[in-house]
């Protein structure tokens, strides 16, 4: 089975405060369905109140991150047998979150 990352940047979610509880309930329902199907690995949202840092091989920590690598928003990692199934889950998450989702495939690593 292959692991897939389904994600969106924070600015993609354009919903009102009134819509937020509905979106939360719908997205949680999709996650519960993924758990019930046995394909859920983990997911969540990145805490934007905690700034990212760059940790070097010597252990030093810098507030300078890789140029162009800033991440925010939400993500889900699923493990499914086919890309087609991953696309279906991404569609379901997009409907629940009311915004398009990016789909990426993790490279196979026998140690993971």
PDB file of N, CA and C in Angstrom:
ATOM      1  N   UNK A   1       0.840  -1.181   0.000  1.00  0.00           N
ATOM      2  CA  UNK A   1       0.000   0.000   0.000  1.00  0.00           C
ATOM      3  C   UNK A   1       0.883   1.241   0.000  1.00  0.00           C
ATOM      4  N   UNK A   2       0.344   2.299  -0.538  1.00  0.00           N
ATOM      5  CA  UNK A   2       1.079   3.550  -0.679  1.00  0.00           C
ATOM      6  C   UNK A   2       0.478   4.619   0.226  1.00  0.00           C
ATOM      7  N   UNK A   3       1.345   5.445   0.793  1.00  0.00           N
ATOM      8  CA  UNK A   3       0.891   6.569   1.609  1.00  0.00           C
ATOM      9  C   UNK A   3       0.762   7.806   0.725  1.00  0.00           C
ATOM     10  N   UNK A   4      -0.304   8.564   0.961  1.00  0.00           N
ATOM     11  CA  UNK A   4      -0.575   9.782   0.206  1.00  0.00           C
ATOM     12  C   UNK A   4      -0.794  10.934   1.171  1.00  0.00           C
ATOM     13  N   UNK A   5      -0.322  12.112   0.779  1.00  0.00           N
ATOM     14  CA  UNK A   5      -0.550  13.339   1.517  1.00  0.00           C
ATOM     15  C   UNK A   5      -1.646  14.118   0.804  1.00  0.00           C
ATOM     16  N   UNK A   6      -2.709  14.423   1.518  1.00  0.00           N
ATOM     17  CA  UNK A   6      -3.790  15.257   1.012  1.00  0.00           C
ATOM     18  C   UNK A   6      -3.737  16.528   1.845  1.00  0.00           C
ATOM     19  N   UNK A   7      -3.590  17.701   1.204  1.00  0.00           N
ATOM     20  CA  UNK A   7      -3.369  18.919   1.971  1.00  0.00           C
ATOM     21  C   UNK A   7      -3.913  20.148   1.273  1.00  0.00           C
ATOM     22  N   UNK A   8      -3.999  21.221   2.066  1.00  0.00           N
ATOM     23  CA  UNK A   8      -4.392  22.517   1.515  1.00  0.00           C
ATOM     24  C   UNK A   8      -3.730  23.625   2.328  1.00  0.00           C
ATOM     25  N   UNK A   9      -3.375  24.746   1.680  1.00  0.00           N
ATOM     26  CA  UNK A   9      -2.846  25.877   2.432  1.00  0.00           C
ATOM     27  C   UNK A   9      -3.992  26.605   3.137  1.00  0.00           C
ATOM     28  N   UNK A  10      -3.697  27.245   4.247  1.00  0.00           N
ATOM     29  CA  UNK A  10      -4.724  27.912   5.046  1.00  0.00           C
ATOM     30  C   UNK A  10      -5.548  28.903   4.224  1.00  0.00           C
ATOM     31  N   UNK A  11      -4.905  29.638   3.334  1.00  0.00           N
ATOM     32  CA  UNK A  11      -5.627  30.660   2.574  1.00  0.00           C
ATOM     33  C   UNK A  11      -6.621  30.078   1.565  1.00  0.00           C
ATOM     34  N   UNK A  12      -6.544  28.784   1.300  1.00  0.00           N
ATOM     35  CA  UNK A  12      -7.483  28.156   0.363  1.00  0.00           C
ATOM     36  C   UNK A  12      -8.874  28.000   0.966  1.00  0.00           C
ATOM     37  N   UNK A  13      -8.935  27.913   2.272  1.00  0.00           N
ATOM     38  CA  UNK A  13     -10.231  27.709   2.932  1.00  0.00           C
ATOM     39  C   UNK A  13     -10.897  29.067   3.140  1.00  0.00           C
ATOM     40  N   UNK A  14     -11.841  29.388   2.286  1.00  0.00           N
ATOM     41  CA  UNK A  14     -12.558  30.657   2.321  1.00  0.00           C
ATOM     42  C   UNK A  14     -13.975  30.405   2.827  1.00  0.00           C
ATOM     43  N   UNK A  15     -14.122  30.320   4.136  1.00  0.00           N
ATOM     44  CA  UNK A  15     -15.439  30.081   4.728  1.00  0.00           C
ATOM     45  C   UNK A  15     -15.709  31.141   5.796  1.00  0.00           C
ATOM     46  N   UNK A  16     -16.982  31.325   6.078  1.00  0.00           N
ATOM     47  CA  UNK A  16     -17.370  32.300   7.097  1.00  0.00           C
ATOM     48  C   UNK A  16     -17.312  31.658   8.477  1.00  0.00           C
ATOM     49  N   UNK A  17     -17.352  32.482   9.499  1.00  0.00           N
ATOM     50  CA  UNK A  17     -17.394  31.970  10.877  1.00  0.00           C
ATOM     51  C   UNK A  17     -18.637  31.106  11.088  1.00  0.00           C
ATOM     52  N   UNK A  18     -19.728  31.462  10.426  1.00  0.00           N
ATOM     53  CA  UNK A  18     -20.961  30.692  10.555  1.00  0.00           C
ATOM     54  C   UNK A  18     -20.830  29.317   9.900  1.00  0.00           C
ATOM     55  N   UNK A  19     -20.067  29.224   8.822  1.00  0.00           N
ATOM     56  CA  UNK A  19     -19.880  27.952   8.119  1.00  0.00           C
ATOM     57  C   UNK A  19     -18.886  27.032   8.821  1.00  0.00           C
ATOM     58  N   UNK A  20     -18.006  27.610   9.634  1.00  0.00           N
ATOM     59  CA  UNK A  20     -16.917  26.849  10.238  1.00  0.00           C
ATOM     60  C   UNK A  20     -17.389  25.586  10.973  1.00  0.00           C
ATOM     61  N   UNK A  21     -18.408  25.641  11.847  1.00  0.00           N
ATOM     62  CA  UNK A  21     -18.838  24.413  12.534  1.00  0.00           C
ATOM     63  C   UNK A  21     -19.306  23.315  11.566  1.00  0.00           C
ATOM     64  N   UNK A  22     -19.966  23.708  10.477  1.00  0.00           N
ATOM     65  CA  UNK A  22     -20.405  22.726   9.481  1.00  0.00           C
ATOM     66  C   UNK A  22     -19.211  22.070   8.793  1.00  0.00           C
ATOM     67  N   UNK A  23     -18.210  22.872   8.469  1.00  0.00           N
ATOM     68  CA  UNK A  23     -17.008  22.347   7.805  1.00  0.00           C
ATOM     69  C   UNK A  23     -16.253  21.411   8.745  1.00  0.00           C
ATOM     70  N   UNK A  24     -16.136  21.792   9.999  1.00  0.00           N
ATOM     71  CA  UNK A  24     -15.467  20.937  10.987  1.00  0.00           C
ATOM     72  C   UNK A  24     -16.192  19.599  11.093  1.00  0.00           C
ATOM     73  N   UNK A  25     -17.512  19.634  11.224  1.00  0.00           N
ATOM     74  CA  UNK A  25     -18.286  18.393  11.345  1.00  0.00           C
ATOM     75  C   UNK A  25     -18.141  17.530  10.097  1.00  0.00           C
ATOM     76  N   UNK A  26     -18.208  18.150   8.926  1.00  0.00           N
ATOM     77  CA  UNK A  26     -18.099  17.390   7.672  1.00  0.00           C
ATOM     78  C   UNK A  26     -16.710  16.786   7.513  1.00  0.00           C
ATOM     79  N   UNK A  27     -15.672  17.568   7.830  1.00  0.00           N
ATOM     80  CA  UNK A  27     -14.313  17.043   7.678  1.00  0.00           C
ATOM     81  C   UNK A  27     -14.037  15.940   8.694  1.00  0.00           C
ATOM     82  N   UNK A  28     -14.542  16.096   9.916  1.00  0.00           N
ATOM     83  CA  UNK A  28     -14.373  15.033  10.917  1.00  0.00           C
ATOM     84  C   UNK A  28     -15.097  13.762  10.496  1.00  0.00           C
ATOM     85  N   UNK A  29     -16.243  13.907   9.826  1.00  0.00           N
ATOM     86  CA  UNK A  29     -16.976  12.731   9.345  1.00  0.00           C
ATOM     87  C   UNK A  29     -16.159  11.969   8.297  1.00  0.00           C
ATOM     88  N   UNK A  30     -15.476  12.691   7.417  1.00  0.00           N
ATOM     89  CA  UNK A  30     -14.630  12.027   6.411  1.00  0.00           C
ATOM     90  C   UNK A  30     -13.466  11.317   7.095  1.00  0.00           C
ATOM     91  N   UNK A  31     -12.866  11.969   8.084  1.00  0.00           N
ATOM     92  CA  UNK A  31     -11.747  11.346   8.805  1.00  0.00           C
ATOM     93  C   UNK A  31     -12.226  10.085   9.525  1.00  0.00           C
ATOM     94  N   UNK A  32     -13.390  10.144  10.147  1.00  0.00           N
ATOM     95  CA  UNK A  32     -13.935   8.959  10.822  1.00  0.00           C
ATOM     96  C   UNK A  32     -14.198   7.839   9.823  1.00  0.00           C
ATOM     97  N   UNK A  33     -14.662   8.202   8.618  1.00  0.00           N
ATOM     98  CA  UNK A  33     -14.871   7.190   7.572  1.00  0.00           C
ATOM     99  C   UNK A  33     -13.540   6.572   7.145  1.00  0.00           C
ATOM    100  N   UNK A  34     -12.497   7.398   7.041  1.00  0.00           N
ATOM    101  CA  UNK A  34     -11.169   6.878   6.673  1.00  0.00           C
ATOM    102  C   UNK A  34     -10.639   5.952   7.768  1.00  0.00           C
ATOM    103  N   UNK A  35     -10.882   6.312   9.025  1.00  0.00           N
ATOM    104  CA  UNK A  35     -10.469   5.443  10.134  1.00  0.00           C
ATOM    105  C   UNK A  35     -11.222   4.120  10.077  1.00  0.00           C
ATOM    106  N   UNK A  36     -12.526   4.193   9.847  1.00  0.00           N
ATOM    107  CA  UNK A  36     -13.339   2.975   9.773  1.00  0.00           C
ATOM    108  C   UNK A  36     -12.905   2.085   8.608  1.00  0.00           C
ATOM    109  N   UNK A  37     -12.442   2.716   7.518  1.00  0.00           N
ATOM    110  CA  UNK A  37     -11.970   1.956   6.354  1.00  0.00           C
ATOM    111  C   UNK A  37     -10.559   1.421   6.554  1.00  0.00           C
ATOM    112  N   UNK A  38      -9.896   1.842   7.636  1.00  0.00           N
ATOM    113  CA  UNK A  38      -8.544   1.361   7.915  1.00  0.00           C
ATOM    114  C   UNK A  38      -7.461   1.997   7.072  1.00  0.00           C
ATOM    115  N   UNK A  39      -7.723   3.190   6.505  1.00  0.00           N
ATOM    116  CA  UNK A  39      -6.738   3.834   5.630  1.00  0.00           C
ATOM    117  C   UNK A  39      -6.110   5.080   6.250  1.00  0.00           C
ATOM    118  N   UNK A  40      -6.622   5.525   7.386  1.00  0.00           N
ATOM    119  CA  UNK A  40      -6.135   6.742   8.031  1.00  0.00           C
ATOM    120  C   UNK A  40      -4.799   6.483   8.720  1.00  0.00           C
ATOM    121  N   UNK A  41      -3.809   7.332   8.458  1.00  0.00           N
ATOM    122  CA  UNK A  41      -2.509   7.243   9.116  1.00  0.00           C
ATOM    123  C   UNK A  41      -2.425   8.334  10.187  1.00  0.00           C
ATOM    124  N   UNK A  42      -2.537   9.595   9.781  1.00  0.00           N
ATOM    125  CA  UNK A  42      -2.615  10.717  10.716  1.00  0.00           C
ATOM    126  C   UNK A  42      -2.958  11.974   9.945  1.00  0.00           C
ATOM    127  N   UNK A  43      -3.252  13.023  10.668  1.00  0.00           N
ATOM    128  CA  UNK A  43      -3.568  14.286  10.021  1.00  0.00           C
ATOM    129  C   UNK A  43      -3.723  15.379  11.046  1.00  0.00           C
ATOM    130  N   UNK A  44      -3.974  16.571  10.567  1.00  0.00           N
ATOM    131  CA  UNK A  44      -4.189  17.712  11.438  1.00  0.00           C
ATOM    132  C   UNK A  44      -3.911  19.003  10.720  1.00  0.00           C
ATOM    133  N   UNK A  45      -3.797  20.041  11.512  1.00  0.00           N
ATOM    134  CA  UNK A  45      -3.478  21.356  10.980  1.00  0.00           C
ATOM    135  C   UNK A  45      -2.199  21.853  11.614  1.00  0.00           C
ATOM    136  N   UNK A  46      -1.424  22.592  10.858  1.00  0.00           N
ATOM    137  CA  UNK A  46      -0.182  23.144  11.393  1.00  0.00           C
ATOM    138  C   UNK A  46      -0.498  24.359  12.252  1.00  0.00           C
ATOM    139  N   UNK A  47       0.117  24.442  13.418  1.00  0.00           N
ATOM    140  CA  UNK A  47      -0.113  25.523  14.360  1.00  0.00           C
ATOM    141  C   UNK A  47       0.659  26.754  13.891  1.00  0.00           C
ATOM    142  N   UNK A  48      -0.060  27.706  13.313  1.00  0.00           N
ATOM    143  CA  UNK A  48       0.588  28.890  12.755  1.00  0.00           C
ATOM    144  C   UNK A  48       1.064  29.864  13.818  1.00  0.00           C
ATOM    145  N   UNK A  49       0.698  29.649  15.083  1.00  0.00           N
ATOM    146  CA  UNK A  49       1.172  30.539  16.143  1.00  0.00           C
ATOM    147  C   UNK A  49       2.583  30.168  16.598  1.00  0.00           C
ATOM    148  N   UNK A  50       3.076  29.021  16.159  1.00  0.00           N
ATOM    149  CA  UNK A  50       4.425  28.578  16.497  1.00  0.00           C
ATOM    150  C   UNK A  50       5.279  28.690  15.230  1.00  0.00           C
ATOM    151  N   UNK A  51       6.245  29.594  15.211  1.00  0.00           N
ATOM    152  CA  UNK A  51       7.027  29.785  13.986  1.00  0.00           C
ATOM    153  C   UNK A  51       7.930  28.582  13.691  1.00  0.00           C
ATOM    154  N   UNK A  52       8.092  28.261  12.396  1.00  0.00           N
ATOM    155  CA  UNK A  52       8.998  27.174  12.042  1.00  0.00           C
ATOM    156  C   UNK A  52      10.451  27.611  12.243  1.00  0.00           C
ATOM    157  N   UNK A  53      11.326  26.634  12.443  1.00  0.00           N
ATOM    158  CA  UNK A  53      12.762  26.890  12.568  1.00  0.00           C
ATOM    159  C   UNK A  53      13.502  25.890  11.695  1.00  0.00           C
ATOM    160  N   UNK A  54      14.740  26.204  11.416  1.00  0.00           N
ATOM    161  CA  UNK A  54      15.609  25.323  10.650  1.00  0.00           C
ATOM    162  C   UNK A  54      16.649  24.755  11.607  1.00  0.00           C
ATOM    163  N   UNK A  55      16.725  23.446  11.710  1.00  0.00           N
ATOM    164  CA  UNK A  55      17.675  22.778  12.596  1.00  0.00           C
ATOM    165  C   UNK A  55      18.775  22.170  11.731  1.00  0.00           C
ATOM    166  N   UNK A  56      20.018  22.593  11.967  1.00  0.00           N
ATOM    167  CA  UNK A  56      21.160  22.126  11.171  1.00  0.00           C
ATOM    168  C   UNK A  56      21.754  20.854  11.762  1.00  0.00           C
ATOM    169  N   UNK A  57      22.622  20.212  10.980  1.00  0.00           N
ATOM    170  CA  UNK A  57      23.255  18.966  11.407  1.00  0.00           C
ATOM    171  C   UNK A  57      24.086  19.146  12.666  1.00  0.00           C
ATOM    172  N   UNK A  58      24.608  20.364  12.883  1.00  0.00           N
ATOM    173  CA  UNK A  58      25.404  20.609  14.092  1.00  0.00           C
ATOM    174  C   UNK A  58      24.529  20.923  15.304  1.00  0.00           C
ATOM    175  N   UNK A  59      23.205  20.928  15.106  1.00  0.00           N
ATOM    176  CA  UNK A  59      22.277  21.176  16.203  1.00  0.00           C
ATOM    177  C   UNK A  59      21.858  22.624  16.349  1.00  0.00           C
ATOM    178  N   UNK A  60      22.452  23.516  15.562  1.00  0.00           N
ATOM    179  CA  UNK A  60      22.065  24.922  15.669  1.00  0.00           C
ATOM    180  C   UNK A  60      20.653  25.117  15.115  1.00  0.00           C
ATOM    181  N   UNK A  61      19.955  26.100  15.686  1.00  0.00           N
ATOM    182  CA  UNK A  61      18.574  26.384  15.314  1.00  0.00           C
ATOM    183  C   UNK A  61      18.491  27.808  14.804  1.00  0.00           C
ATOM    184  N   UNK A  62      17.828  27.997  13.670  1.00  0.00           N
ATOM    185  CA  UNK A  62      17.711  29.310  13.048  1.00  0.00           C
ATOM    186  C   UNK A  62      16.261  29.572  12.673  1.00  0.00           C
ATOM    187  N   UNK A  63      15.809  30.819  12.783  1.00  0.00           N
ATOM    188  CA  UNK A  63      14.457  31.144  12.343  1.00  0.00           C
ATOM    189  C   UNK A  63      14.343  31.217  10.821  1.00  0.00           C
ATOM    190  N   UNK A  64      15.476  31.158  10.137  1.00  0.00           N
ATOM    191  CA  UNK A  64      15.475  31.194   8.665  1.00  0.00           C
ATOM    192  C   UNK A  64      15.158  29.795   8.143  1.00  0.00           C
ATOM    193  N   UNK A  65      14.039  29.655   7.429  1.00  0.00           N
ATOM    194  CA  UNK A  65      13.685  28.357   6.847  1.00  0.00           C
ATOM    195  C   UNK A  65      14.053  28.362   5.366  1.00  0.00           C
ATOM    196  N   UNK A  66      13.973  27.218   4.728  1.00  0.00           N
ATOM    197  CA  UNK A  66      14.262  27.143   3.297  1.00  0.00           C
ATOM    198  C   UNK A  66      13.362  28.112   2.538  1.00  0.00           C
ATOM    199  N   UNK A  67      13.941  28.842   1.604  1.00  0.00           N
ATOM    200  CA  UNK A  67      13.180  29.794   0.809  1.00  0.00           C
ATOM    201  C   UNK A  67      12.062  29.081   0.050  1.00  0.00           C
ATOM    202  N   UNK A  68      10.862  29.604   0.158  1.00  0.00           N
ATOM    203  CA  UNK A  68       9.724  29.029  -0.562  1.00  0.00           C
ATOM    204  C   UNK A  68       9.113  27.812   0.091  1.00  0.00           C
ATOM    205  N   UNK A  69       9.538  27.466   1.307  1.00  0.00           N
ATOM    206  CA  UNK A  69       9.046  26.225   1.915  1.00  0.00           C
ATOM    207  C   UNK A  69       8.004  26.438   3.003  1.00  0.00           C
ATOM    208  N   UNK A  70       7.535  27.663   3.190  1.00  0.00           N
ATOM    209  CA  UNK A  70       6.602  27.903   4.282  1.00  0.00           C
ATOM    210  C   UNK A  70       5.334  27.091   4.079  1.00  0.00           C
ATOM    211  N   UNK A  71       4.953  26.343   5.094  1.00  0.00           N
ATOM    212  CA  UNK A  71       3.758  25.504   5.045  1.00  0.00           C
ATOM    213  C   UNK A  71       2.769  25.984   6.081  1.00  0.00           C
ATOM    214  N   UNK A  72       1.496  25.897   5.761  1.00  0.00           N
ATOM    215  CA  UNK A  72       0.432  26.140   6.717  1.00  0.00           C
ATOM    216  C   UNK A  72      -0.786  25.350   6.260  1.00  0.00           C
ATOM    217  N   UNK A  73      -1.869  25.436   6.991  1.00  0.00           N
ATOM    218  CA  UNK A  73      -3.085  24.756   6.585  1.00  0.00           C
ATOM    219  C   UNK A  73      -3.235  23.392   7.211  1.00  0.00           C
ATOM    220  N   UNK A  74      -3.976  22.544   6.522  1.00  0.00           N
ATOM    221  CA  UNK A  74      -4.282  21.230   7.053  1.00  0.00           C
ATOM    222  C   UNK A  74      -3.804  20.120   6.141  1.00  0.00           C
ATOM    223  N   UNK A  75      -3.710  18.929   6.711  1.00  0.00           N
ATOM    224  CA  UNK A  75      -3.235  17.789   5.937  1.00  0.00           C
ATOM    225  C   UNK A  75      -3.792  16.492   6.511  1.00  0.00           C
ATOM    226  N   UNK A  76      -3.825  15.494   5.659  1.00  0.00           N
ATOM    227  CA  UNK A  76      -4.197  14.142   6.044  1.00  0.00           C
ATOM    228  C   UNK A  76      -3.267  13.182   5.318  1.00  0.00           C
ATOM    229  N   UNK A  77      -2.791  12.177   6.017  1.00  0.00           N
ATOM    230  CA  UNK A  77      -1.999  11.122   5.387  1.00  0.00           C
ATOM    231  C   UNK A  77      -2.832   9.848   5.434  1.00  0.00           C
ATOM    232  N   UNK A  78      -3.039   9.268   4.265  1.00  0.00           N
ATOM    233  CA  UNK A  78      -3.785   8.014   4.145  1.00  0.00           C
ATOM    234  C   UNK A  78      -2.909   6.974   3.481  1.00  0.00           C
ATOM    235  N   UNK A  79      -3.181   5.720   3.764  1.00  0.00           N
ATOM    236  CA  UNK A  79      -2.474   4.618   3.120  1.00  0.00           C
ATOM    237  C   UNK A  79      -3.518   3.782   2.407  1.00  0.00           C
ATOM    238  N   UNK A  80      -3.455   3.829   1.082  1.00  0.00           N
ATOM    239  CA  UNK A  80      -4.442   3.140   0.242  1.00  0.00           C
ATOM    240  C   UNK A  80      -3.742   2.364  -0.859  1.00  0.00           C
ATOM    241  N   UNK A  81      -4.443   1.392  -1.457  1.00  0.00           N
ATOM    242  CA  UNK A  81      -3.782   0.562  -2.465  1.00  0.00           C
ATOM    243  C   UNK A  81      -3.531   1.238  -3.808  1.00  0.00           C
ATOM    244  N   UNK A  82      -4.335   2.246  -4.167  1.00  0.00           N
ATOM    245  CA  UNK A  82      -4.180   2.840  -5.500  1.00  0.00           C
ATOM    246  C   UNK A  82      -4.301   4.359  -5.451  1.00  0.00           C
ATOM    247  N   UNK A  83      -3.723   5.004  -6.451  1.00  0.00           N
ATOM    248  CA  UNK A  83      -3.853   6.464  -6.591  1.00  0.00           C
ATOM    249  C   UNK A  83      -5.312   6.836  -6.825  1.00  0.00           C
ATOM    250  N   UNK A  84      -6.036   6.007  -7.536  1.00  0.00           N
ATOM    251  CA  UNK A  84      -7.450   6.264  -7.793  1.00  0.00           C
ATOM    252  C   UNK A  84      -8.231   6.358  -6.475  1.00  0.00           C
ATOM    253  N   UNK A  85      -7.941   5.468  -5.545  1.00  0.00           N
ATOM    254  CA  UNK A  85      -8.599   5.526  -4.244  1.00  0.00           C
ATOM    255  C   UNK A  85      -8.174   6.784  -3.482  1.00  0.00           C
ATOM    256  N   UNK A  86      -6.906   7.163  -3.589  1.00  0.00           N
ATOM    257  CA  UNK A  86      -6.434   8.391  -2.944  1.00  0.00           C
ATOM    258  C   UNK A  86      -7.156   9.609  -3.530  1.00  0.00           C
ATOM    259  N   UNK A  87      -7.360   9.616  -4.835  1.00  0.00           N
ATOM    260  CA  UNK A  87      -8.094  10.706  -5.474  1.00  0.00           C
ATOM    261  C   UNK A  87      -9.523  10.791  -4.950  1.00  0.00           C
ATOM    262  N   UNK A  88     -10.148   9.646  -4.726  1.00  0.00           N
ATOM    263  CA  UNK A  88     -11.505   9.634  -4.193  1.00  0.00           C
ATOM    264  C   UNK A  88     -11.542  10.232  -2.784  1.00  0.00           C
ATOM    265  N   UNK A  89     -10.584   9.857  -1.935  1.00  0.00           N
ATOM    266  CA  UNK A  89     -10.525  10.417  -0.590  1.00  0.00           C
ATOM    267  C   UNK A  89     -10.239  11.912  -0.648  1.00  0.00           C
ATOM    268  N   UNK A  90      -9.360  12.342  -1.548  1.00  0.00           N
ATOM    269  CA  UNK A  90      -9.062  13.770  -1.695  1.00  0.00           C
ATOM    270  C   UNK A  90     -10.318  14.536  -2.110  1.00  0.00           C
ATOM    271  N   UNK A  91     -11.120  13.961  -2.992  1.00  0.00           N
ATOM    272  CA  UNK A  91     -12.379  14.579  -3.405  1.00  0.00           C
ATOM    273  C   UNK A  91     -13.316  14.716  -2.217  1.00  0.00           C
ATOM    274  N   UNK A  92     -13.405  13.665  -1.403  1.00  0.00           N
ATOM    275  CA  UNK A  92     -14.285  13.696  -0.232  1.00  0.00           C
ATOM    276  C   UNK A  92     -13.831  14.759   0.774  1.00  0.00           C
ATOM    277  N   UNK A  93     -12.529  14.869   0.960  1.00  0.00           N
ATOM    278  CA  UNK A  93     -12.006  15.889   1.869  1.00  0.00           C
ATOM    279  C   UNK A  93     -12.239  17.285   1.295  1.00  0.00           C
ATOM    280  N   UNK A  94     -12.050  17.452  -0.015  1.00  0.00           N
ATOM    281  CA  UNK A  94     -12.296  18.743  -0.661  1.00  0.00           C
ATOM    282  C   UNK A  94     -13.752  19.169  -0.489  1.00  0.00           C
ATOM    283  N   UNK A  95     -14.666  18.234  -0.646  1.00  0.00           N
ATOM    284  CA  UNK A  95     -16.084  18.555  -0.456  1.00  0.00           C
ATOM    285  C   UNK A  95     -16.348  18.972   0.984  1.00  0.00           C
ATOM    286  N   UNK A  96     -15.799  18.239   1.934  1.00  0.00           N
ATOM    287  CA  UNK A  96     -16.029  18.529   3.346  1.00  0.00           C
ATOM    288  C   UNK A  96     -15.413  19.860   3.751  1.00  0.00           C
ATOM    289  N   UNK A  97     -14.192  20.130   3.286  1.00  0.00           N
ATOM    290  CA  UNK A  97     -13.480  21.356   3.660  1.00  0.00           C
ATOM    291  C   UNK A  97     -13.863  22.558   2.805  1.00  0.00           C
ATOM    292  N   UNK A  98     -14.574  22.272   1.717  1.00  0.00           N
ATOM    293  CA  UNK A  98     -15.018  23.331   0.794  1.00  0.00           C
ATOM    294  C   UNK A  98     -13.853  24.069   0.154  1.00  0.00           C
ATOM    295  N   UNK A  99     -12.778  23.332  -0.117  1.00  0.00           N
ATOM    296  CA  UNK A  99     -11.654  23.907  -0.851  1.00  0.00           C
ATOM    297  C   UNK A  99     -10.875  22.777  -1.520  1.00  0.00           C
ATOM    298  N   UNK A 100     -10.229  23.068  -2.660  1.00  0.00           N
ATOM    299  CA  UNK A 100      -9.438  22.058  -3.353  1.00  0.00           C
ATOM    300  C   UNK A 100      -8.320  21.516  -2.467  1.00  0.00           C
ATOM    301  N   UNK A 101      -7.953  20.280  -2.727  1.00  0.00           N
ATOM    302  CA  UNK A 101      -6.901  19.599  -1.977  1.00  0.00           C
ATOM    303  C   UNK A 101      -5.773  19.208  -2.926  1.00  0.00           C
ATOM    304  N   UNK A 102      -4.551  19.317  -2.452  1.00  0.00           N
ATOM    305  CA  UNK A 102      -3.399  18.812  -3.212  1.00  0.00           C
ATOM    306  C   UNK A 102      -3.184  17.354  -2.828  1.00  0.00           C
ATOM    307  N   UNK A 103      -2.808  16.548  -3.790  1.00  0.00           N
ATOM    308  CA  UNK A 103      -2.534  15.135  -3.539  1.00  0.00           C
ATOM    309  C   UNK A 103      -1.101  14.843  -3.935  1.00  0.00           C
ATOM    310  N   UNK A 104      -0.356  14.285  -2.992  1.00  0.00           N
ATOM    311  CA  UNK A 104       1.035  13.895  -3.251  1.00  0.00           C
ATOM    312  C   UNK A 104       1.248  12.475  -2.773  1.00  0.00           C
ATOM    313  N   UNK A 105       2.108  11.768  -3.482  1.00  0.00           N
ATOM    314  CA  UNK A 105       2.420  10.377  -3.139  1.00  0.00           C
ATOM    315  C   UNK A 105       3.788  10.316  -2.475  1.00  0.00           C
ATOM    316  N   UNK A 106       3.856   9.619  -1.336  1.00  0.00           N
ATOM    317  CA  UNK A 106       5.141   9.408  -0.686  1.00  0.00           C
ATOM    318  C   UNK A 106       5.925   8.352  -1.456  1.00  0.00           C
ATOM    319  N   UNK A 107       7.233   8.549  -1.553  1.00  0.00           N
ATOM    320  CA  UNK A 107       8.086   7.535  -2.168  1.00  0.00           C
ATOM    321  C   UNK A 107       8.132   6.325  -1.229  1.00  0.00           C
ATOM    322  N   UNK A 108       8.259   5.158  -1.813  1.00  0.00           N
ATOM    323  CA  UNK A 108       8.341   3.949  -1.006  1.00  0.00           C
ATOM    324  C   UNK A 108       9.665   3.905  -0.263  1.00  0.00           C
ATOM    325  N   UNK A 109       9.580   3.604   1.013  1.00  0.00           N
ATOM    326  CA  UNK A 109      10.764   3.436   1.848  1.00  0.00           C
ATOM    327  C   UNK A 109      10.542   2.158   2.665  1.00  0.00           C
ATOM    328  N   UNK A 110      11.293   1.108   2.394  1.00  0.00           N
ATOM    329  CA  UNK A 110      11.062  -0.161   3.091  1.00  0.00           C
ATOM    330  C   UNK A 110      11.242  -0.079   4.607  1.00  0.00           C
ATOM    331  N   UNK A 111      11.929   0.964   5.081  1.00  0.00           N
ATOM    332  CA  UNK A 111      12.140   1.108   6.519  1.00  0.00           C
ATOM    333  C   UNK A 111      11.003   1.845   7.208  1.00  0.00           C
ATOM    334  N   UNK A 112      10.086   2.396   6.415  1.00  0.00           N
ATOM    335  CA  UNK A 112       9.002   3.170   7.051  1.00  0.00           C
ATOM    336  C   UNK A 112       7.774   2.326   7.317  1.00  0.00           C
TER     337      UNK A 112
END
